[in-house]
Protein backbone atom coordinates (compact mmCIF):
# COMPACT_ATOMS: atom_id res chain seq x y z
CA THR A 1 0.00 0.00 0.00
CA PRO A 2 1.50 3.40 -0.91
CA GLN A 3 2.02 5.78 2.00
CA LEU A 4 2.64 9.48 2.43
CA TYR A 5 5.36 10.49 4.90
CA LEU A 6 5.22 13.93 6.55
CA GLN A 7 8.10 14.71 8.90
CA LEU A 8 9.59 17.50 11.02
CA VAL A 9 13.19 17.46 12.28
CA ARG A 10 15.01 19.69 14.75
CA ASP A 11 17.82 19.67 17.27
CA GLY A 12 17.21 19.36 21.00
CA ASN A 13 18.50 22.83 21.93
CA ASP A 14 16.23 25.31 23.67
CA PRO A 15 15.61 28.57 21.79
CA SER A 16 17.50 31.66 22.93
CA THR A 17 14.34 33.31 24.35
CA GLY A 18 14.51 31.44 27.67
CA THR A 19 16.75 31.75 30.74
CA HIS A 20 17.68 29.56 33.69
CA PHE A 21 14.96 31.31 35.71
CA TYR A 22 11.98 30.26 33.60
CA HIS A 23 11.39 27.41 31.18
CA THR A 24 9.12 27.10 28.16
CA PHE A 25 8.45 23.85 26.32
CA THR A 26 10.49 22.92 23.26
CA GLY A 27 9.79 19.66 21.48
CA PRO A 28 7.35 17.55 19.45
CA ALA A 29 3.61 17.48 20.09
CA ILE A 30 0.83 15.28 18.72
CA TYR A 31 -2.91 15.88 18.79
CA ASP A 32 -5.73 13.42 18.13
CA SER A 33 -9.33 13.15 19.31
CA LYS A 34 -8.52 10.23 21.62
CA ASP A 35 -5.55 11.48 23.65
CA LYS A 36 -5.93 15.19 22.83
CA PHE A 37 -2.78 17.34 23.04
CA GLN A 38 0.39 15.46 24.02
CA LYS A 39 3.86 16.94 24.46
CA PHE A 40 7.04 14.85 24.36
CA GLU A 41 10.33 15.90 25.93
CA PHE A 42 13.41 15.28 23.81
CA LYS A 43 15.06 13.45 26.70
CA ASP A 44 12.22 10.88 26.67
CA ILE A 45 12.73 9.99 23.00
CA GLY A 46 15.03 6.98 22.88
CA ASP A 47 16.79 5.12 20.09
CA GLN A 48 13.70 2.95 19.53
CA THR A 49 11.05 4.58 17.33
CA LYS A 50 7.83 5.31 19.21
CA ILE A 51 4.68 4.60 17.15
CA ILE A 52 1.25 6.05 17.95
CA LYS A 53 -1.67 4.73 15.89
CA SER A 54 -4.66 6.99 15.46
CA ASP A 55 -7.68 7.73 13.29
CA ASP A 56 -7.12 11.48 13.10
CA GLY A 57 -4.84 14.27 14.28
CA TRP A 58 -1.76 16.32 13.46
CA LEU A 59 1.84 16.77 14.64
CA ALA A 60 4.05 19.74 15.47
CA MET A 61 7.44 20.94 16.64
CA VAL A 62 6.81 23.54 19.31
CA GLN A 63 9.07 26.18 20.79
CA HIS A 64 8.61 29.48 22.61
CA TYR A 65 6.38 31.75 20.47
CA PHE A 66 6.63 29.65 17.26
CA VAL A 67 5.46 26.32 15.85
CA SER A 68 5.97 24.14 12.79
CA ALA A 69 3.18 21.66 12.10
CA TRP A 70 1.88 19.20 9.54
CA LEU A 71 -1.92 19.24 9.35
CA PRO A 72 -2.95 16.26 7.19
CA HIS A 73 -6.09 16.31 5.05
CA PRO A 74 -8.60 14.95 5.42
CA ASP A 75 -8.70 15.31 9.22
CA LYS A 76 -10.16 11.82 9.64
CA GLY A 77 -8.54 8.58 8.54
CA PRO A 78 -6.03 5.99 9.79
CA ARG A 79 -2.49 7.17 10.36
CA GLU A 80 0.64 6.36 12.34
CA PHE A 81 2.56 9.04 14.20
CA TYR A 82 6.16 8.37 15.12
CA LEU A 83 8.91 9.88 17.26
CA ARG A 84 12.54 8.93 16.77
CA LYS A 85 16.06 9.99 17.61
CA LEU A 86 18.01 10.34 14.37
CA GLU A 87 21.40 11.00 15.96
CA PRO A 88 22.68 12.65 19.15
CA ASN A 89 20.69 15.85 19.70
CA LEU A 90 18.66 15.46 16.48
CA TYR A 91 15.04 14.33 16.61
CA ALA A 92 12.19 13.66 14.20
CA THR A 93 8.44 13.45 14.50
CA GLY A 94 6.28 12.43 11.59
CA VAL A 95 3.13 10.76 10.35
CA MET A 96 2.48 8.02 7.80
CA LEU A 97 -0.81 8.17 5.91
CA PRO A 98 -2.06 5.46 3.53
CA LEU A 99 -2.70 6.56 -0.03
CA PRO A 100 -5.16 5.01 -2.47
CA THR A 101 -3.83 2.48 -4.95
CA LEU A 102 -3.90 3.91 -8.44
CA ALA A 103 -4.82 2.12 -11.62
CA PRO A 104 -2.34 2.38 -14.51
CA GLY A 105 -2.46 5.89 -15.94
CA ALA A 106 -4.64 7.27 -13.11
CA ARG A 107 -3.75 10.37 -11.10
CA THR A 108 -4.57 11.62 -7.61
CA VAL A 109 -3.80 14.74 -5.59
CA GLN A 110 -3.03 14.74 -1.86
CA THR A 111 -3.23 18.18 -0.22
CA ASP A 112 -1.82 18.77 3.27
CA THR A 113 -1.08 21.94 5.22
CA LEU A 114 2.35 22.88 6.56
CA TYR A 115 2.12 25.71 9.10
CA VAL A 116 5.34 27.49 10.08
CA GLY A 117 4.84 30.66 12.06
CA PRO A 118 3.97 32.41 15.31
CA GLU A 119 1.57 31.04 17.91
CA ILE A 120 -1.15 33.64 17.32
CA GLU A 121 -4.39 32.10 18.56
CA SER A 122 -6.60 33.86 16.02
CA GLN A 123 -4.48 32.37 13.20
CA LEU A 124 -4.28 28.88 14.70
CA GLN A 125 -7.97 28.42 15.42
CA GLY A 126 -9.81 26.79 12.55
CA LEU A 127 -6.75 25.37 10.79
CA ALA A 128 -7.19 22.03 12.57
CA PRO A 129 -9.01 20.74 15.67
CA GLY A 130 -7.10 21.71 18.82
CA PHE A 131 -4.32 23.47 16.90
CA GLU A 132 -4.55 26.54 19.16
CA LEU A 133 -3.29 24.32 22.02
CA VAL A 134 0.29 24.66 20.77
CA LYS A 135 0.19 27.95 22.66
CA ASP A 136 0.44 25.98 25.85
CA TYR A 137 -0.77 27.43 29.16
CA GLY A 138 -0.46 24.11 31.02
CA TRP A 139 -2.88 23.35 33.85
CA VAL A 140 -4.23 26.93 33.92
CA THR A 141 -5.46 26.88 30.29
CA ILE A 142 -9.12 27.13 31.32
CA ILE A 143 -8.34 30.44 33.08
CA ALA A 144 -5.58 31.71 30.80
CA LYS A 145 -7.55 31.64 27.54
CA PRO A 146 -10.32 34.00 28.80
CA LEU A 147 -7.66 36.26 30.34
CA PHE A 148 -5.86 36.54 27.02
CA TRP A 149 -9.16 37.32 25.30
CA VAL A 150 -9.77 40.18 27.77
CA LEU A 151 -6.19 41.40 27.26
CA GLU A 152 -6.78 41.44 23.49
CA GLN A 153 -9.98 43.48 23.90
CA ILE A 154 -8.15 46.01 26.08
CA HIS A 155 -5.33 46.21 23.54
CA ALA A 156 -7.86 46.87 20.77
CA VAL A 157 -8.73 50.08 22.64
CA LEU A 158 -5.37 51.17 24.10
CA ARG A 159 -3.16 50.00 21.18
CA ASN A 160 -0.22 49.41 23.52
CA TRP A 161 0.53 46.05 25.13
CA GLY A 162 2.29 47.63 28.12
CA TRP A 163 -0.67 49.80 29.08
CA SER A 164 -2.97 46.86 28.34
CA ILE A 165 -1.07 44.72 30.88
CA ILE A 166 -1.41 47.48 33.48
CA ALA A 167 -5.13 47.90 32.73
CA LEU A 168 -5.83 44.16 33.00
CA THR A 169 -3.91 43.92 36.29
CA VAL A 170 -5.90 46.85 37.71
CA LEU A 171 -9.14 45.21 36.54
CA LEU A 172 -8.26 41.92 38.25
CA LYS A 173 -7.24 43.66 41.48
CA LEU A 174 -10.56 45.53 41.55
CA LEU A 175 -12.45 42.31 40.84
CA PHE A 176 -10.74 40.51 43.72
CA PHE A 177 -10.77 43.47 46.10
CA PRO A 178 -13.45 41.97 48.43
CA LEU A 179 -11.26 38.89 48.94
CA THR A 180 -8.10 40.98 49.19
CA ALA A 181 -9.71 43.31 51.73
CA ALA A 182 -10.72 40.35 53.91
CA SER A 183 -7.14 39.11 53.85
CA TYR A 184 -5.66 42.52 54.63
CA ARG A 185 -8.14 43.12 57.47
CA SER A 186 -7.04 39.82 59.00
CA MET A 187 -3.38 40.82 58.67
CA ALA A 188 -4.14 44.27 60.10
CA ARG A 189 -5.71 42.69 63.19
CA MET A 190 -2.65 40.47 63.55
CA LYS A 191 -0.43 43.52 63.27
CA ALA A 192 -2.46 45.38 65.91
CA VAL A 193 -1.89 42.62 68.48
CA ALA A 194 1.77 42.08 67.54
CA PRO A 195 3.11 43.94 70.64
CA ARG A 196 0.97 41.73 72.90
CA LEU A 197 2.19 38.62 71.05
CA ASN A 198 5.78 39.68 71.63
CA ALA A 199 5.03 40.26 75.31
CA LEU A 200 3.52 36.76 75.59
CA ARG A 201 6.52 35.28 73.87
CA GLU A 202 8.89 37.03 76.26
CA ARG A 203 6.81 36.03 79.31
CA HIS A 204 6.68 32.34 78.33
CA LYS A 205 10.00 32.04 76.52
CA ASN A 206 10.95 29.00 78.60
CA ASP A 207 7.58 27.25 78.29
CA GLN A 208 6.49 26.60 74.71
CA ALA A 209 3.22 24.93 75.70
CA ALA A 210 2.18 27.84 77.94
CA MET A 211 3.08 30.34 75.22
CA ASN A 212 0.98 28.47 72.62
CA ALA A 213 -1.98 28.25 75.01
CA ALA A 214 -1.77 31.97 75.80
CA MET A 215 -1.62 32.85 72.11
CA VAL A 216 -4.65 30.68 71.31
CA GLU A 217 -6.59 32.31 74.15
CA MET A 218 -5.69 35.79 72.92
CA TYR A 219 -6.74 34.91 69.37
CA ARG A 220 -10.05 33.60 70.73
CA LYS A 221 -10.77 36.75 72.74
CA GLU A 222 -9.81 39.05 69.86
CA LYS A 223 -11.69 36.87 67.33
CA ILE A 224 -8.60 36.51 65.17
CA ASN A 225 -7.96 33.58 62.85
CA PRO A 226 -4.18 33.39 62.26
CA LEU A 227 -4.86 31.76 58.88
CA GLY A 228 -7.63 34.20 57.97
CA GLY A 229 -5.33 36.19 55.72
CA CYS A 230 -4.27 33.14 53.70
CA LEU A 231 -7.47 31.69 52.22
CA PRO A 232 -8.57 34.80 50.27
CA ILE A 233 -5.08 35.03 48.77
CA VAL A 234 -4.94 31.30 47.92
CA ILE A 235 -8.20 31.59 45.95
CA GLN A 236 -6.63 34.26 43.72
CA ILE A 237 -3.37 32.41 43.05
CA PRO A 238 -4.55 30.37 39.99
CA VAL A 239 -5.74 33.55 38.25
CA PHE A 240 -2.45 35.36 38.72
CA ILE A 241 -0.46 32.26 37.69
CA ALA A 242 -2.64 32.09 34.56
CA LEU A 243 -1.88 35.74 33.76
CA TYR A 244 1.83 34.99 34.27
CA TRP A 245 1.61 32.27 31.58
CA VAL A 246 -0.46 34.47 29.28
CA LEU A 247 2.29 37.10 29.31
CA LEU A 248 5.11 34.55 29.05
CA SER A 249 3.51 32.68 26.12
CA SER A 250 2.10 35.48 23.97
CA VAL A 251 4.15 36.23 20.87
CA GLU A 252 2.21 39.49 20.57
CA LEU A 253 4.58 40.95 23.19
CA ARG A 254 7.63 40.09 21.08
CA GLY A 255 9.07 43.38 19.86
CA ALA A 256 6.19 45.33 21.43
CA PRO A 257 7.30 48.61 23.08
CA TRP A 258 5.79 50.16 26.19
CA LEU A 259 7.36 53.56 26.82
CA GLY A 260 10.78 55.17 27.09
CA TRP A 261 13.51 52.58 27.42
CA ILE A 262 11.22 49.52 27.12
CA HIS A 263 11.30 48.65 23.42
CA ASP A 264 10.47 44.93 23.71
CA LEU A 265 8.13 43.59 26.41
CA SER A 266 9.29 40.02 25.71
CA ALA A 267 12.93 40.89 26.57
CA LYS A 268 14.39 41.80 29.95
CA ASP A 269 14.60 45.44 30.97
CA PRO A 270 17.95 46.58 29.49
CA TYR A 271 18.63 48.92 32.42
CA TYR A 272 16.96 46.80 35.15
CA ILE A 273 14.83 49.77 36.23
CA LEU A 274 11.53 47.86 36.49
CA PRO A 275 13.06 44.94 38.46
CA ALA A 276 14.76 47.38 40.86
CA ILE A 277 11.48 49.21 41.53
CA MET A 278 9.66 45.89 41.89
CA THR A 279 12.24 44.72 44.46
CA ALA A 280 11.70 47.91 46.48
CA THR A 281 7.92 47.40 46.42
CA SER A 282 8.36 43.79 47.59
CA PHE A 283 10.24 44.97 50.68
CA LEU A 284 7.64 47.68 51.29
CA GLN A 285 4.95 44.98 51.25
CA VAL A 286 6.86 43.07 53.93
CA LYS A 287 6.95 46.18 56.11
CA LEU A 288 3.18 46.50 55.80
CA ASN A 289 2.62 42.92 56.97
CA PRO A 290 2.54 41.82 60.63
CA THR A 291 5.88 40.58 61.95
CA PRO A 292 5.70 36.89 62.97
CA PRO A 293 6.49 36.25 66.65
CA ASP A 294 9.08 33.65 65.70
CA PRO A 295 12.44 35.36 64.92
CA MET A 296 13.31 32.80 62.23
CA GLN A 297 10.01 33.43 60.41
CA ALA A 298 10.53 37.17 60.75
CA ARG A 299 13.96 36.94 59.10
CA LEU A 300 12.57 34.65 56.40
CA MET A 301 9.99 37.30 55.52
CA TRP A 302 12.85 39.59 54.48
CA ILE A 303 15.01 36.94 52.83
CA MET A 304 12.30 35.58 50.51
CA PRO A 305 11.58 38.84 48.64
CA ALA A 306 15.32 39.34 48.11
CA ALA A 307 15.78 35.84 46.67
CA PHE A 308 12.57 36.02 44.63
CA SER A 309 13.38 39.44 43.21
CA VAL A 310 16.72 38.25 41.79
CA MET A 311 14.81 36.14 39.23
CA PHE A 312 12.88 39.14 37.98
CA PHE A 313 16.06 40.86 36.82
CA PHE A 314 16.15 38.22 34.06
CA PHE A 315 12.41 37.99 33.33
CA PRO A 316 10.72 39.63 30.31
CA ALA A 317 9.81 43.26 30.94
CA GLY A 318 6.10 42.51 30.35
CA LEU A 319 6.09 40.03 33.24
CA VAL A 320 7.93 42.43 35.54
CA LEU A 321 5.52 45.23 34.60
CA TYR A 322 2.58 43.02 35.56
CA TRP A 323 4.16 42.06 38.90
CA LEU A 324 5.17 45.64 39.68
CA THR A 325 1.64 46.90 38.96
CA ASN A 326 0.23 44.15 41.15
CA ASN A 327 2.60 45.10 43.99
CA LEU A 328 1.80 48.81 43.80
CA ILE A 329 -1.97 48.22 43.91
CA SER A 330 -1.57 45.73 46.77
CA ILE A 331 0.49 48.25 48.75
CA ALA A 332 -2.15 50.95 48.22
CA GLN A 333 -4.97 48.61 49.26
CA GLN A 334 -3.12 47.35 52.33
CA TRP A 335 -2.04 50.84 53.42
CA PHE A 336 -5.66 52.04 53.11
CA ILE A 337 -6.99 49.17 55.24
CA ASN A 338 -4.24 49.54 57.87
CA LYS A 339 -4.98 53.27 58.07
CA LYS A 340 -8.71 52.66 58.34
CA MET A 341 -8.23 50.13 61.16
CA GLY A 342 -5.74 52.32 63.00
CA VAL A 343 -2.86 49.83 63.06
CA PRO A 344 0.83 50.82 62.73
CA GLU A 345 1.70 51.35 59.09
CA PHE A 346 5.09 49.66 59.02
CA SER A 347 6.82 46.76 60.75
CA ASP A 348 10.50 46.92 61.60
CA PRO A 349 12.71 44.01 60.55
CA LYS A 350 13.71 41.78 63.44
């Protein structure tokens, strides 16, 4: 039986757009209606050819921002996908499709689509079932896709991806303000009783059980839940992780300027101005939070922002802009609630 072979080959090197501080997928991917979208790491492709039999689907080589893909026609019909290692650091993915047997002198035409280009969702949708999934948001896809749609609508009005990122971040912070306010009120109450907690700790420094009992009793009388500030924040985490992946994965930010010295939101800030400001806001946030009674935890509160901020010096400017905007709005919200509840504005490092 005659067969048509469609194949893509590439080396196993990551593209130059990534750094050691964040990773995007590079490698082959296969989609069919049975197993949906599957990614394969180069390191998992051995010397033995891997065969995947299917009745539909397509294959691709994916990297950050760009994709090459064979989209066979018709969409339905038996086919065999394969993955193989051709030589050290060189890999192939392909598909074999049966062709009709021709009578002597007969002719036939087989038309298939080769897509090589950016991962722009509006271009990918409709070319083949599930083809838009090559722009991979991982486990937050269900949240990330609507977020990107909203970001696109904002950009249609503002015509600048930097200002669109800021506008979307402000919109999300306003949407989650009731949850954020509940968290900050809980932290404000904890901050208000911090001097009494320190006094209890000093009084019972040689009796851990007595100190814990006294703290629980004080929390009960003051109607404070020590974990009350965590739950509202935890609920928001998937949304902000999804926005992180939207900004990291969107080729639309490649070469997109914001203002002044930021000429490419997909590249790091050339003068490290945004990461430096973001680092300062991270420490300011720590000062607004209640100081834990445990000295080790108190020191850790100051160490973590320092370690975390180092990564942002190498992140794309669009991501840093999002995080900086988020920090500034959080500081304003927390300062307002602390002021309203009459608690001290800043904590001193211990």
